[in-house]
């Protein structure tokens, strides 16, 4: 582990414009419209002969993506579980009460 963060300057801040490993076209934007995001990407795209982002940038941004799509979604689902159980219990109670008042033929 690099406790002194000596490789931080090697991370490409324009990785998403320079790389096609992670597609953000369908992701939600907070401070830009889709058109503004496309203009930004085109303005910062690498020229044809430029080298792709380095390994450190790839690993950094892929790790962030995995955290966002995998682990954090798992935590969110776990945190929402009690609410879903309460909703199911309420629905089951309603069904039981409704069926108890309907005469059976």
N, C-alpha and C. Protein backbone atom coordinates (compact mmCIF):
# COMPACT_ATOMS: atom_id res chain seq x y z
N UNK A 1 0.84 -1.18 0.00
CA UNK A 1 0.00 0.00 0.00
C UNK A 1 0.89 1.24 0.00
N UNK A 2 0.47 2.21 -0.75
CA UNK A 2 1.22 3.45 -0.87
C UNK A 2 0.67 4.48 0.11
N UNK A 3 1.15 4.45 1.35
CA UNK A 3 0.63 5.32 2.40
C UNK A 3 0.96 6.79 2.17
N UNK A 4 1.96 7.08 1.36
CA UNK A 4 2.35 8.47 1.10
C UNK A 4 1.68 9.05 -0.14
N UNK A 5 0.85 8.27 -0.81
CA UNK A 5 0.12 8.71 -2.01
C UNK A 5 1.06 9.28 -3.07
N UNK A 6 2.13 8.59 -3.34
CA UNK A 6 3.11 9.09 -4.30
C UNK A 6 2.66 8.93 -5.75
N UNK A 7 1.62 8.15 -5.99
CA UNK A 7 1.16 7.93 -7.36
C UNK A 7 -0.08 8.75 -7.71
N UNK A 8 -0.55 9.60 -6.82
CA UNK A 8 -1.76 10.39 -7.07
C UNK A 8 -1.63 11.27 -8.30
N UNK A 9 -0.46 11.79 -8.56
CA UNK A 9 -0.29 12.67 -9.71
C UNK A 9 -0.32 11.90 -11.03
N UNK A 10 -0.25 10.59 -10.98
CA UNK A 10 -0.29 9.77 -12.20
C UNK A 10 -1.72 9.42 -12.64
N UNK A 11 -2.72 9.73 -11.81
CA UNK A 11 -4.11 9.46 -12.15
C UNK A 11 -4.60 10.53 -13.11
N UNK A 12 -5.13 10.10 -14.24
CA UNK A 12 -5.61 11.01 -15.28
C UNK A 12 -6.99 11.56 -14.88
N UNK A 13 -7.11 12.87 -14.58
CA UNK A 13 -8.40 13.41 -14.17
C UNK A 13 -9.44 13.42 -15.30
N UNK A 14 -8.99 13.30 -16.54
CA UNK A 14 -9.90 13.27 -17.69
C UNK A 14 -10.06 11.84 -18.22
N UNK A 15 -9.92 10.87 -17.34
CA UNK A 15 -9.97 9.45 -17.71
C UNK A 15 -11.21 9.12 -18.53
N UNK A 16 -12.37 9.61 -18.09
CA UNK A 16 -13.61 9.24 -18.76
C UNK A 16 -13.67 9.78 -20.19
N UNK A 17 -12.98 10.87 -20.46
CA UNK A 17 -12.91 11.41 -21.83
C UNK A 17 -11.85 10.69 -22.65
N UNK A 18 -10.80 10.22 -21.99
CA UNK A 18 -9.67 9.61 -22.68
C UNK A 18 -9.80 8.10 -22.87
N UNK A 19 -10.70 7.48 -22.16
CA UNK A 19 -10.80 6.02 -22.20
C UNK A 19 -12.22 5.60 -22.57
N UNK A 20 -12.33 4.41 -23.15
CA UNK A 20 -13.66 3.87 -23.44
C UNK A 20 -13.94 2.63 -22.59
N UNK A 21 -13.18 2.41 -21.52
CA UNK A 21 -13.39 1.25 -20.65
C UNK A 21 -14.70 1.35 -19.87
N UNK A 22 -15.06 2.56 -19.46
CA UNK A 22 -16.27 2.77 -18.68
C UNK A 22 -17.16 3.73 -19.46
N UNK A 23 -18.35 3.28 -19.80
CA UNK A 23 -19.27 4.09 -20.59
C UNK A 23 -20.21 4.84 -19.67
N UNK A 24 -20.17 6.17 -19.74
CA UNK A 24 -21.01 7.00 -18.87
C UNK A 24 -22.16 7.66 -19.62
N UNK A 25 -22.42 7.23 -20.82
CA UNK A 25 -23.45 7.89 -21.64
C UNK A 25 -24.84 7.81 -21.00
N UNK A 26 -25.15 6.74 -20.32
CA UNK A 26 -26.48 6.57 -19.73
C UNK A 26 -26.52 6.90 -18.23
N UNK A 27 -25.42 7.39 -17.68
CA UNK A 27 -25.39 7.70 -16.26
C UNK A 27 -26.04 9.06 -15.98
N UNK A 28 -26.54 9.25 -14.78
CA UNK A 28 -27.17 10.50 -14.38
C UNK A 28 -26.10 11.57 -14.19
N UNK A 29 -26.42 12.77 -14.64
CA UNK A 29 -25.51 13.90 -14.47
C UNK A 29 -26.14 14.90 -13.51
N UNK A 30 -25.34 15.45 -12.64
CA UNK A 30 -25.86 16.39 -11.66
C UNK A 30 -25.74 17.83 -12.16
N UNK A 31 -24.61 18.16 -12.78
CA UNK A 31 -24.36 19.54 -13.16
C UNK A 31 -24.27 19.77 -14.66
N UNK A 32 -24.74 18.86 -15.46
CA UNK A 32 -24.65 19.03 -16.91
C UNK A 32 -25.76 18.25 -17.60
N UNK A 33 -26.18 18.77 -18.72
CA UNK A 33 -27.14 18.03 -19.54
C UNK A 33 -26.36 17.02 -20.37
N UNK A 34 -27.06 16.13 -21.05
CA UNK A 34 -26.38 15.15 -21.90
C UNK A 34 -25.59 15.83 -23.01
N UNK A 35 -26.15 16.92 -23.55
CA UNK A 35 -25.46 17.64 -24.62
C UNK A 35 -24.18 18.30 -24.10
N UNK A 36 -24.24 18.90 -22.92
CA UNK A 36 -23.05 19.53 -22.34
C UNK A 36 -21.98 18.49 -22.03
N UNK A 37 -22.39 17.33 -21.55
CA UNK A 37 -21.43 16.26 -21.26
C UNK A 37 -20.77 15.77 -22.54
N UNK A 38 -21.54 15.64 -23.61
CA UNK A 38 -20.99 15.21 -24.90
C UNK A 38 -20.01 16.24 -25.44
N UNK A 39 -20.33 17.53 -25.32
CA UNK A 39 -19.41 18.60 -25.75
C UNK A 39 -18.11 18.54 -24.96
N UNK A 40 -18.20 18.34 -23.64
CA UNK A 40 -17.01 18.26 -22.80
C UNK A 40 -16.15 17.08 -23.23
N UNK A 41 -16.78 15.93 -23.45
CA UNK A 41 -16.03 14.74 -23.84
C UNK A 41 -15.32 14.95 -25.18
N UNK A 42 -16.01 15.54 -26.13
CA UNK A 42 -15.41 15.78 -27.44
C UNK A 42 -14.27 16.79 -27.35
N UNK A 43 -14.41 17.79 -26.50
CA UNK A 43 -13.37 18.81 -26.35
C UNK A 43 -12.11 18.25 -25.70
N UNK A 44 -12.27 17.23 -24.86
CA UNK A 44 -11.12 16.68 -24.12
C UNK A 44 -10.68 15.31 -24.63
N UNK A 45 -11.24 14.85 -25.72
CA UNK A 45 -10.87 13.54 -26.27
C UNK A 45 -9.41 13.58 -26.75
N UNK A 46 -8.72 12.46 -26.58
CA UNK A 46 -7.32 12.36 -27.02
C UNK A 46 -7.24 12.34 -28.54
N UNK A 47 -6.16 12.87 -29.06
CA UNK A 47 -5.94 12.79 -30.51
C UNK A 47 -5.62 11.34 -30.88
N UNK A 48 -5.64 11.04 -32.18
CA UNK A 48 -5.50 9.66 -32.65
C UNK A 48 -4.19 9.01 -32.24
N UNK A 49 -3.09 9.74 -32.19
CA UNK A 49 -1.80 9.14 -31.88
C UNK A 49 -1.43 9.16 -30.41
N UNK A 50 -2.24 9.75 -29.56
CA UNK A 50 -1.92 9.88 -28.13
C UNK A 50 -2.05 8.53 -27.44
N UNK A 51 -1.21 8.27 -26.43
CA UNK A 51 -1.31 7.00 -25.70
C UNK A 51 -2.56 6.97 -24.83
N UNK A 52 -3.12 5.80 -24.60
CA UNK A 52 -4.30 5.70 -23.73
C UNK A 52 -3.91 5.98 -22.28
N UNK A 53 -4.88 6.15 -21.39
CA UNK A 53 -4.57 6.37 -19.98
C UNK A 53 -3.72 5.23 -19.42
N UNK A 54 -2.91 5.57 -18.43
CA UNK A 54 -1.98 4.59 -17.87
C UNK A 54 -2.69 3.58 -16.96
N UNK A 55 -1.94 2.58 -16.54
CA UNK A 55 -2.45 1.48 -15.72
C UNK A 55 -3.01 1.99 -14.40
N UNK A 56 -2.33 2.94 -13.79
CA UNK A 56 -2.77 3.46 -12.49
C UNK A 56 -4.14 4.11 -12.62
N UNK A 57 -4.35 4.87 -13.68
CA UNK A 57 -5.66 5.50 -13.92
C UNK A 57 -6.73 4.44 -14.16
N UNK A 58 -6.39 3.43 -14.95
CA UNK A 58 -7.34 2.35 -15.21
C UNK A 58 -7.79 1.69 -13.91
N UNK A 59 -6.84 1.31 -13.09
CA UNK A 59 -7.16 0.62 -11.84
C UNK A 59 -7.95 1.51 -10.89
N UNK A 60 -7.56 2.78 -10.79
CA UNK A 60 -8.25 3.72 -9.90
C UNK A 60 -9.73 3.85 -10.28
N UNK A 61 -9.99 4.14 -11.55
CA UNK A 61 -11.37 4.37 -11.97
C UNK A 61 -12.19 3.08 -12.07
N UNK A 62 -11.57 1.97 -12.40
CA UNK A 62 -12.29 0.69 -12.40
C UNK A 62 -12.68 0.29 -10.98
N UNK A 63 -11.81 0.57 -10.02
CA UNK A 63 -12.12 0.27 -8.62
C UNK A 63 -13.29 1.11 -8.14
N UNK A 64 -13.31 2.39 -8.52
CA UNK A 64 -14.43 3.26 -8.15
C UNK A 64 -15.73 2.72 -8.76
N UNK A 65 -15.66 2.30 -10.01
CA UNK A 65 -16.86 1.77 -10.68
C UNK A 65 -17.37 0.51 -10.00
N UNK A 66 -16.46 -0.40 -9.67
CA UNK A 66 -16.86 -1.64 -9.00
C UNK A 66 -17.49 -1.32 -7.65
N UNK A 67 -16.93 -0.36 -6.92
CA UNK A 67 -17.50 0.02 -5.63
C UNK A 67 -18.91 0.57 -5.81
N UNK A 68 -19.08 1.38 -6.84
CA UNK A 68 -20.39 1.99 -7.09
C UNK A 68 -21.42 0.94 -7.50
N UNK A 69 -21.08 0.09 -8.43
CA UNK A 69 -22.05 -0.86 -8.98
C UNK A 69 -22.22 -2.11 -8.12
N UNK A 70 -21.19 -2.52 -7.42
CA UNK A 70 -21.26 -3.78 -6.68
C UNK A 70 -21.53 -3.61 -5.21
N UNK A 71 -20.52 -3.25 -4.48
CA UNK A 71 -20.59 -3.23 -3.02
C UNK A 71 -21.61 -2.22 -2.51
N UNK A 72 -21.60 -1.01 -3.04
CA UNK A 72 -22.52 0.00 -2.54
C UNK A 72 -23.97 -0.36 -2.82
N UNK A 73 -24.24 -1.01 -3.94
CA UNK A 73 -25.60 -1.47 -4.22
C UNK A 73 -26.01 -2.55 -3.23
N UNK A 74 -25.07 -3.41 -2.86
CA UNK A 74 -25.36 -4.44 -1.87
C UNK A 74 -25.70 -3.81 -0.52
N UNK A 75 -24.95 -2.81 -0.12
CA UNK A 75 -25.22 -2.11 1.15
C UNK A 75 -26.58 -1.43 1.09
N UNK A 76 -26.89 -0.79 -0.03
CA UNK A 76 -28.18 -0.13 -0.18
C UNK A 76 -29.33 -1.13 -0.08
N UNK A 77 -29.19 -2.26 -0.74
CA UNK A 77 -30.22 -3.29 -0.68
C UNK A 77 -30.39 -3.81 0.74
N UNK A 78 -29.28 -4.02 1.45
CA UNK A 78 -29.33 -4.48 2.83
C UNK A 78 -30.04 -3.46 3.72
N UNK A 79 -29.74 -2.18 3.51
CA UNK A 79 -30.36 -1.13 4.33
C UNK A 79 -31.84 -0.98 4.04
N UNK A 80 -32.28 -1.29 2.82
CA UNK A 80 -33.69 -1.19 2.45
C UNK A 80 -34.50 -2.42 2.84
N UNK A 81 -33.84 -3.49 3.25
CA UNK A 81 -34.51 -4.74 3.55
C UNK A 81 -35.58 -4.62 4.64
N UNK A 82 -35.32 -3.95 5.77
CA UNK A 82 -36.38 -3.84 6.79
C UNK A 82 -37.64 -3.14 6.27
N UNK A 83 -37.47 -2.11 5.46
CA UNK A 83 -38.63 -1.41 4.91
C UNK A 83 -39.43 -2.33 3.99
N UNK A 84 -38.74 -3.11 3.18
CA UNK A 84 -39.43 -4.05 2.31
C UNK A 84 -40.17 -5.11 3.12
N UNK A 85 -39.56 -5.59 4.19
CA UNK A 85 -40.21 -6.58 5.04
C UNK A 85 -41.46 -5.98 5.70
N UNK A 86 -41.39 -4.73 6.16
CA UNK A 86 -42.56 -4.08 6.75
C UNK A 86 -43.68 -3.96 5.72
N UNK A 87 -43.33 -3.58 4.49
CA UNK A 87 -44.34 -3.46 3.43
C UNK A 87 -45.00 -4.81 3.14
N UNK A 88 -44.19 -5.86 3.06
CA UNK A 88 -44.74 -7.20 2.82
C UNK A 88 -45.63 -7.66 3.98
N UNK A 89 -45.21 -7.38 5.20
CA UNK A 89 -46.01 -7.77 6.37
C UNK A 89 -47.33 -7.01 6.38
N UNK A 90 -47.31 -5.72 6.06
CA UNK A 90 -48.53 -4.92 6.00
C UNK A 90 -49.47 -5.46 4.92
N UNK A 91 -48.91 -5.82 3.78
CA UNK A 91 -49.72 -6.38 2.69
C UNK A 91 -50.30 -7.73 3.09
N UNK A 92 -49.51 -8.58 3.73
CA UNK A 92 -50.00 -9.89 4.18
C UNK A 92 -51.11 -9.71 5.21
N UNK A 93 -50.95 -8.75 6.14
CA UNK A 93 -52.00 -8.49 7.14
C UNK A 93 -53.29 -8.02 6.46
N UNK A 94 -53.16 -7.15 5.48
CA UNK A 94 -54.32 -6.65 4.75
C UNK A 94 -55.03 -7.79 4.02
N UNK A 95 -54.26 -8.68 3.37
CA UNK A 95 -54.86 -9.81 2.67
C UNK A 95 -55.58 -10.73 3.65
N UNK A 96 -54.96 -10.99 4.78
CA UNK A 96 -55.58 -11.85 5.80
C UNK A 96 -56.87 -11.25 6.30
N UNK A 97 -56.87 -9.96 6.56
CA UNK A 97 -58.06 -9.26 7.04
C UNK A 97 -59.14 -9.25 5.95
N UNK A 98 -58.74 -9.01 4.72
CA UNK A 98 -59.71 -8.96 3.62
C UNK A 98 -60.34 -10.33 3.39
N UNK A 99 -59.54 -11.37 3.41
CA UNK A 99 -60.07 -12.72 3.19
C UNK A 99 -60.94 -13.17 4.34
N UNK A 100 -60.68 -12.66 5.52
CA UNK A 100 -61.49 -13.04 6.69
C UNK A 100 -62.89 -12.45 6.62
N UNK A 101 -63.09 -11.36 5.91
CA UNK A 101 -64.40 -10.71 5.84
C UNK A 101 -65.20 -11.16 4.63
N UNK A 102 -64.58 -11.86 3.68
CA UNK A 102 -65.28 -12.31 2.47
C UNK A 102 -65.83 -13.71 2.72
N UNK A 103 -67.12 -13.91 2.48
CA UNK A 103 -67.66 -15.27 2.69
C UNK A 103 -67.10 -16.24 1.64
N UNK A 104 -66.77 -17.44 2.11
CA UNK A 104 -66.24 -18.46 1.23
C UNK A 104 -67.39 -19.26 0.66
N UNK A 105 -67.45 -19.46 -0.64
CA UNK A 105 -68.55 -20.19 -1.29
C UNK A 105 -68.39 -21.66 -1.20
